[in-house]
Amino acid sequence: MKNNVNKNILMAVVVVCFGFILLNLAFIFDSLFQSSVIGFINLFTPVNFETNFQWLPPIMHCLFIVIIGIISWLVFRSKLGTLYKAIYLTVPLVVVFATLGMFLGRWPIAAYTIGCLLSLGVFYFFYHTKQPWLYYFTVTLISLVMLLVGLFGVEI
């Protein structure tokens, strides 16, 4: 019994630590992706699309969401262990919550309500499909962290 509790605590700590590292890598990947898109566009035109065309940054973010979605689909369909999938789960959750914050920043009550409903929906999905506790832990951790990011006005 005690060994199982220690194992679970260690797994939770591993999710927190490696999830944080993976999130930093995801943000670096996003920066490289957006820089590549802008560099590609600049090959064809000298116009500064970021300042002249307000639609480009949201489009680039949506493209990044699609890439994360494809990678997530591949990860969760793979035969990776639960721990690895729980660590990776931090990335799509943060991307979704950050996107909610970006697009609904002017309406914080709507952003928090949709974020709460999304978390509850993910919990229901995990409960319905009988997923391991580590997924619940990851969703709870990321939901609380992103709630605090929103409440304290932290810039990502």
Protein backbone atom coordinates (compact mmCIF):
# COMPACT_ATOMS: atom_id res chain seq x y z
CA MET A 1 0.00 0.00 0.00
CA LYS A 2 2.70 2.47 1.00
CA ASN A 3 4.76 1.61 -2.08
CA ASN A 4 1.71 2.29 -4.31
CA VAL A 5 1.16 5.70 -2.68
CA ASN A 6 4.82 6.61 -3.17
CA LYS A 7 4.62 5.50 -6.80
CA ASN A 8 1.53 7.64 -7.39
CA ILE A 9 3.12 10.70 -5.77
CA LEU A 10 6.24 10.21 -7.85
CA MET A 11 4.16 9.90 -11.03
CA ALA A 12 2.32 13.14 -10.19
CA VAL A 13 5.65 14.94 -9.63
CA VAL A 14 6.96 13.57 -12.92
CA VAL A 15 3.86 14.90 -14.73
CA VAL A 16 4.37 18.34 -13.19
CA CYS A 17 8.11 18.53 -13.96
CA PHE A 18 8.17 17.02 -17.43
CA GLY A 19 4.88 18.68 -18.34
CA PHE A 20 6.50 22.04 -17.57
CA ILE A 21 9.50 21.14 -19.74
CA LEU A 22 7.23 19.97 -22.55
CA LEU A 23 5.20 23.18 -22.36
CA ASN A 24 8.36 25.23 -22.77
CA LEU A 25 9.30 23.11 -25.79
CA ALA A 26 5.80 23.63 -27.21
CA PHE A 27 6.12 27.41 -26.84
CA ILE A 28 9.51 27.29 -28.56
CA PHE A 29 7.95 25.17 -31.32
CA ASP A 30 5.14 27.72 -31.68
CA SER A 31 7.65 30.55 -31.95
CA LEU A 32 9.66 28.68 -34.58
CA PHE A 33 6.48 27.82 -36.48
CA GLN A 34 5.21 31.39 -36.53
CA SER A 35 8.65 32.74 -37.44
CA SER A 36 8.81 30.26 -40.31
CA VAL A 37 5.40 31.32 -41.60
CA ILE A 38 6.36 35.00 -41.43
CA GLY A 39 9.70 34.26 -43.11
CA PHE A 40 7.93 32.35 -45.87
CA ILE A 41 5.50 35.22 -46.42
CA ASN A 42 8.36 37.73 -46.47
CA LEU A 43 9.95 35.79 -49.33
CA PHE A 44 7.08 36.89 -51.56
CA THR A 45 6.20 40.33 -50.25
CA PRO A 46 7.89 43.04 -48.18
CA VAL A 47 4.61 43.96 -46.48
CA ASN A 48 4.56 43.60 -42.71
CA PHE A 49 1.54 41.35 -42.36
CA GLU A 50 1.47 41.40 -38.56
CA THR A 51 0.77 45.13 -38.36
CA ASN A 52 -1.05 45.68 -41.65
CA PHE A 53 -3.25 42.59 -41.56
CA GLN A 54 -4.77 41.90 -38.16
CA TRP A 55 -6.11 38.52 -39.27
CA LEU A 56 -2.68 36.89 -39.68
CA PRO A 57 -1.78 36.23 -36.01
CA PRO A 58 -5.09 34.48 -35.24
CA ILE A 59 -4.75 32.42 -38.44
CA MET A 60 -1.21 31.40 -37.47
CA HIS A 61 -2.42 30.46 -33.98
CA CYS A 62 -5.24 28.40 -35.48
CA LEU A 63 -2.72 26.61 -37.69
CA PHE A 64 -0.64 25.86 -34.60
CA ILE A 65 -3.76 24.46 -32.91
CA VAL A 66 -4.30 22.17 -35.89
CA ILE A 67 -0.68 20.96 -35.67
CA ILE A 68 -1.03 20.30 -31.92
CA GLY A 69 -4.32 18.51 -32.61
CA ILE A 70 -2.71 16.21 -35.17
CA ILE A 71 0.22 15.47 -32.86
CA SER A 72 -2.20 14.86 -29.97
CA TRP A 73 -4.25 12.46 -32.04
CA LEU A 74 -1.09 10.52 -32.92
CA VAL A 75 0.14 10.47 -29.31
CA PHE A 76 -3.15 9.30 -27.83
CA ARG A 77 -3.63 6.64 -30.51
CA SER A 78 -0.12 5.29 -29.90
CA LYS A 79 0.92 2.56 -27.50
CA LEU A 80 2.78 4.97 -25.23
CA GLY A 81 2.31 4.44 -21.51
CA THR A 82 -0.18 6.33 -19.39
CA LEU A 83 2.54 8.44 -17.77
CA TYR A 84 3.84 9.69 -21.13
CA LYS A 85 0.35 10.46 -22.37
CA ALA A 86 -0.47 12.32 -19.14
CA ILE A 87 2.69 14.38 -19.52
CA TYR A 88 1.79 15.20 -23.11
CA LEU A 89 -1.80 16.03 -22.13
CA THR A 90 -0.48 19.25 -20.60
CA VAL A 91 0.28 20.65 -24.05
CA PRO A 92 -3.14 20.43 -25.73
CA LEU A 93 -4.85 21.55 -22.53
CA VAL A 94 -2.69 24.65 -22.19
CA VAL A 95 -3.10 25.43 -25.89
CA VAL A 96 -6.88 25.22 -25.59
CA PHE A 97 -7.07 27.27 -22.39
CA ALA A 98 -4.62 29.87 -23.71
CA THR A 99 -6.66 30.12 -26.91
CA LEU A 100 -9.81 30.68 -24.88
CA GLY A 101 -8.02 33.41 -22.98
CA MET A 102 -6.72 35.03 -26.16
CA PHE A 103 -9.99 35.05 -28.05
CA LEU A 104 -12.30 35.72 -25.10
CA GLY A 105 -10.01 38.04 -23.16
CA ARG A 106 -12.48 40.90 -23.39
CA TRP A 107 -15.18 38.74 -21.81
CA PRO A 108 -13.50 37.03 -18.85
CA ILE A 109 -16.72 35.55 -17.48
CA ALA A 110 -17.32 33.82 -20.83
CA ALA A 111 -13.71 32.58 -20.91
CA TYR A 112 -13.89 31.19 -17.36
CA THR A 113 -17.31 29.65 -17.95
CA ILE A 114 -16.26 27.94 -21.18
CA GLY A 115 -13.00 26.83 -19.57
CA CYS A 116 -14.91 25.34 -16.64
CA LEU A 117 -17.36 23.59 -18.96
CA LEU A 118 -14.47 22.28 -21.03
CA SER A 119 -12.74 20.88 -17.94
CA LEU A 120 -15.96 19.25 -16.78
CA GLY A 121 -16.48 17.80 -20.25
CA VAL A 122 -12.98 16.32 -20.25
CA PHE A 123 -13.60 14.89 -16.76
CA TYR A 124 -16.84 13.35 -17.97
CA PHE A 125 -15.10 11.87 -21.01
CA PHE A 126 -12.36 10.38 -18.80
CA TYR A 127 -14.96 9.01 -16.38
CA HIS A 128 -17.08 7.58 -19.19
CA THR A 129 -14.07 5.90 -20.83
CA LYS A 130 -12.59 4.79 -17.47
CA GLN A 131 -9.24 6.52 -17.89
CA PRO A 132 -6.47 6.38 -15.26
CA TRP A 133 -6.34 8.86 -12.37
CA LEU A 134 -3.24 10.51 -13.80
CA TYR A 135 -5.30 12.08 -16.59
CA TYR A 136 -7.68 13.58 -14.02
CA PHE A 137 -4.68 14.93 -12.13
CA THR A 138 -3.29 16.54 -15.29
CA VAL A 139 -6.59 18.19 -16.19
CA THR A 140 -7.02 19.47 -12.63
CA LEU A 141 -3.45 20.79 -12.51
CA ILE A 142 -3.60 22.58 -15.86
CA SER A 143 -7.11 23.93 -15.21
CA LEU A 144 -6.03 25.45 -11.91
CA VAL A 145 -2.76 26.82 -13.29
CA MET A 146 -4.48 28.43 -16.26
CA LEU A 147 -7.21 29.81 -13.99
CA LEU A 148 -4.51 31.45 -11.86
CA VAL A 149 -2.77 32.73 -15.01
CA GLY A 150 -6.04 34.36 -16.05
CA LEU A 151 -6.90 35.75 -12.63
CA PHE A 152 -3.47 37.26 -12.03
CA GLY A 153 -3.12 38.56 -15.60
CA VAL A 154 0.07 36.63 -16.36
CA GLU A 155 1.31 37.13 -19.93
CA ILE A 156 2.19 33.92 -21.73
